[in-house]
Amino acid sequence: MNELDQWMTTVCDALGIELPGSGPILDLARDVAHGVLRPAAPVTAYLVGLAVGRGADPAEAFATVTALVDAHTGSGAEQPR
């Protein structure tokens, strides 16, 4: 188990939740950080977590935000880093 997996297990245990895997979260954070703005990555992950916690389907939430990132980066505007 790597350090990230250990940390995620510790946090999930403390919060009493199960995390199916960090891959989709890390992919989304990477896409937001590179396509929108770095500080938007953790905030976006938090917002997706809120939506899922309120009953949104995780796959749909990730797909929705990915589409927003794609639309944002497709605007042709220079992206700040």
C-alpha atoms as a PDB file:
ATOM      1  CA  MET A   1       0.000   0.000   0.000  1.00  0.00           C
ATOM      2  CA  ASN A   2       1.463   3.368  -0.987  1.00  0.00           C
ATOM      3  CA  GLU A   3       1.362   6.497   1.139  1.00  0.00           C
ATOM      4  CA  LEU A   4      -1.678   7.930  -0.667  1.00  0.00           C
ATOM      5  CA  ASP A   5      -3.639   4.722  -0.116  1.00  0.00           C
ATOM      6  CA  GLN A   6      -2.627   4.697   3.538  1.00  0.00           C
ATOM      7  CA  TRP A   7      -3.740   8.305   3.973  1.00  0.00           C
ATOM      8  CA  MET A   8      -7.055   7.712   2.188  1.00  0.00           C
ATOM      9  CA  THR A   9      -7.721   4.659   4.374  1.00  0.00           C
ATOM     10  CA  THR A  10      -6.958   6.672   7.507  1.00  0.00           C
ATOM     11  CA  VAL A  11      -9.253   9.535   6.489  1.00  0.00           C
ATOM     12  CA  CYS A  12     -12.074   7.248   5.376  1.00  0.00           C
ATOM     13  CA  ASP A  13     -11.871   5.280   8.607  1.00  0.00           C
ATOM     14  CA  ALA A  14     -11.975   8.503  10.639  1.00  0.00           C
ATOM     15  CA  LEU A  15     -14.981   9.806   8.667  1.00  0.00           C
ATOM     16  CA  GLY A  16     -16.787   6.474   8.592  1.00  0.00           C
ATOM     17  CA  ILE A  17     -16.985   6.339   4.799  1.00  0.00           C
ATOM     18  CA  GLU A  18     -15.757   4.081   2.028  1.00  0.00           C
ATOM     19  CA  LEU A  19     -13.854   5.357  -0.972  1.00  0.00           C
ATOM     20  CA  PRO A  20     -14.038   3.137  -4.040  1.00  0.00           C
ATOM     21  CA  GLY A  21     -10.756   4.487  -5.363  1.00  0.00           C
ATOM     22  CA  SER A  22      -8.845   7.720  -5.733  1.00  0.00           C
ATOM     23  CA  GLY A  23      -8.241   7.414  -9.491  1.00  0.00           C
ATOM     24  CA  PRO A  24     -11.296   9.361 -10.703  1.00  0.00           C
ATOM     25  CA  ILE A  25     -10.736  12.059  -8.080  1.00  0.00           C
ATOM     26  CA  LEU A  26      -7.095  12.495  -9.037  1.00  0.00           C
ATOM     27  CA  ASP A  27      -7.957  12.537 -12.748  1.00  0.00           C
ATOM     28  CA  LEU A  28     -10.609  15.203 -12.210  1.00  0.00           C
ATOM     29  CA  ALA A  29      -8.288  17.304 -10.042  1.00  0.00           C
ATOM     30  CA  ARG A  30      -5.549  17.068 -12.684  1.00  0.00           C
ATOM     31  CA  ASP A  31      -7.926  18.103 -15.468  1.00  0.00           C
ATOM     32  CA  VAL A  32      -9.255  21.067 -13.487  1.00  0.00           C
ATOM     33  CA  ALA A  33      -5.777  22.159 -12.373  1.00  0.00           C
ATOM     34  CA  HIS A  34      -4.409  22.054 -15.905  1.00  0.00           C
ATOM     35  CA  GLY A  35      -7.525  23.180 -17.769  1.00  0.00           C
ATOM     36  CA  VAL A  36      -8.999  25.805 -15.475  1.00  0.00           C
ATOM     37  CA  LEU A  37      -6.849  26.921 -12.557  1.00  0.00           C
ATOM     38  CA  ARG A  38      -4.743  25.039 -10.004  1.00  0.00           C
ATOM     39  CA  PRO A  39      -6.588  26.344  -6.922  1.00  0.00           C
ATOM     40  CA  ALA A  40      -9.849  25.236  -8.534  1.00  0.00           C
ATOM     41  CA  ALA A  41      -8.831  21.563  -8.292  1.00  0.00           C
ATOM     42  CA  PRO A  42      -9.360  20.976  -4.555  1.00  0.00           C
ATOM     43  CA  VAL A  43     -12.410  23.233  -4.483  1.00  0.00           C
ATOM     44  CA  THR A  44     -13.954  21.339  -7.404  1.00  0.00           C
ATOM     45  CA  ALA A  45     -13.225  17.992  -5.751  1.00  0.00           C
ATOM     46  CA  TYR A  46     -14.941  19.277  -2.623  1.00  0.00           C
ATOM     47  CA  LEU A  47     -17.978  20.445  -4.612  1.00  0.00           C
ATOM     48  CA  VAL A  48     -18.256  17.076  -6.351  1.00  0.00           C
ATOM     49  CA  GLY A  49     -18.047  15.444  -2.925  1.00  0.00           C
ATOM     50  CA  LEU A  50     -20.876  17.640  -1.673  1.00  0.00           C
ATOM     51  CA  ALA A  51     -23.003  16.708  -4.667  1.00  0.00           C
ATOM     52  CA  VAL A  52     -22.330  12.992  -4.199  1.00  0.00           C
ATOM     53  CA  GLY A  53     -22.994  13.293  -0.489  1.00  0.00           C
ATOM     54  CA  ARG A  54     -26.382  14.790  -1.340  1.00  0.00           C
ATOM     55  CA  GLY A  55     -27.235  11.870  -3.581  1.00  0.00           C
ATOM     56  CA  ALA A  56     -25.705  12.620  -6.983  1.00  0.00           C
ATOM     57  CA  ASP A  57     -24.354   9.647  -8.875  1.00  0.00           C
ATOM     58  CA  PRO A  58     -20.532   9.823  -8.667  1.00  0.00           C
ATOM     59  CA  ALA A  59     -19.992   8.877 -12.321  1.00  0.00           C
ATOM     60  CA  GLU A  60     -22.487  11.502 -13.466  1.00  0.00           C
ATOM     61  CA  ALA A  61     -20.937  14.157 -11.232  1.00  0.00           C
ATOM     62  CA  PHE A  62     -17.462  13.449 -12.621  1.00  0.00           C
ATOM     63  CA  ALA A  63     -18.812  13.442 -16.191  1.00  0.00           C
ATOM     64  CA  THR A  64     -20.605  16.750 -15.652  1.00  0.00           C
ATOM     65  CA  VAL A  65     -17.516  18.489 -14.325  1.00  0.00           C
ATOM     66  CA  THR A  66     -15.310  16.936 -17.010  1.00  0.00           C
ATOM     67  CA  ALA A  67     -17.679  18.356 -19.636  1.00  0.00           C
ATOM     68  CA  LEU A  68     -17.444  21.759 -17.960  1.00  0.00           C
ATOM     69  CA  VAL A  69     -13.637  21.592 -18.051  1.00  0.00           C
ATOM     70  CA  ASP A  70     -13.721  20.547 -21.709  1.00  0.00           C
ATOM     71  CA  ALA A  71     -16.047  23.443 -22.530  1.00  0.00           C
ATOM     72  CA  HIS A  72     -13.842  25.842 -20.584  1.00  0.00           C
ATOM     73  CA  THR A  73     -10.626  24.753 -22.289  1.00  0.00           C
ATOM     74  CA  GLY A  74     -12.336  24.723 -25.669  1.00  0.00           C
ATOM     75  CA  SER A  75     -13.126  28.412 -25.312  1.00  0.00           C
ATOM     76  CA  GLY A  76      -9.779  29.342 -26.814  1.00  0.00           C
ATOM     77  CA  ALA A  77      -9.014  31.661 -23.927  1.00  0.00           C
ATOM     78  CA  GLU A  78      -5.549  31.592 -22.420  1.00  0.00           C
ATOM     79  CA  GLN A  79      -5.688  29.675 -19.158  1.00  0.00           C
ATOM     80  CA  PRO A  80      -3.944  31.151 -16.108  1.00  0.00           C
ATOM     81  CA  ARG A  81      -1.644  28.784 -14.182  1.00  0.00           C
END
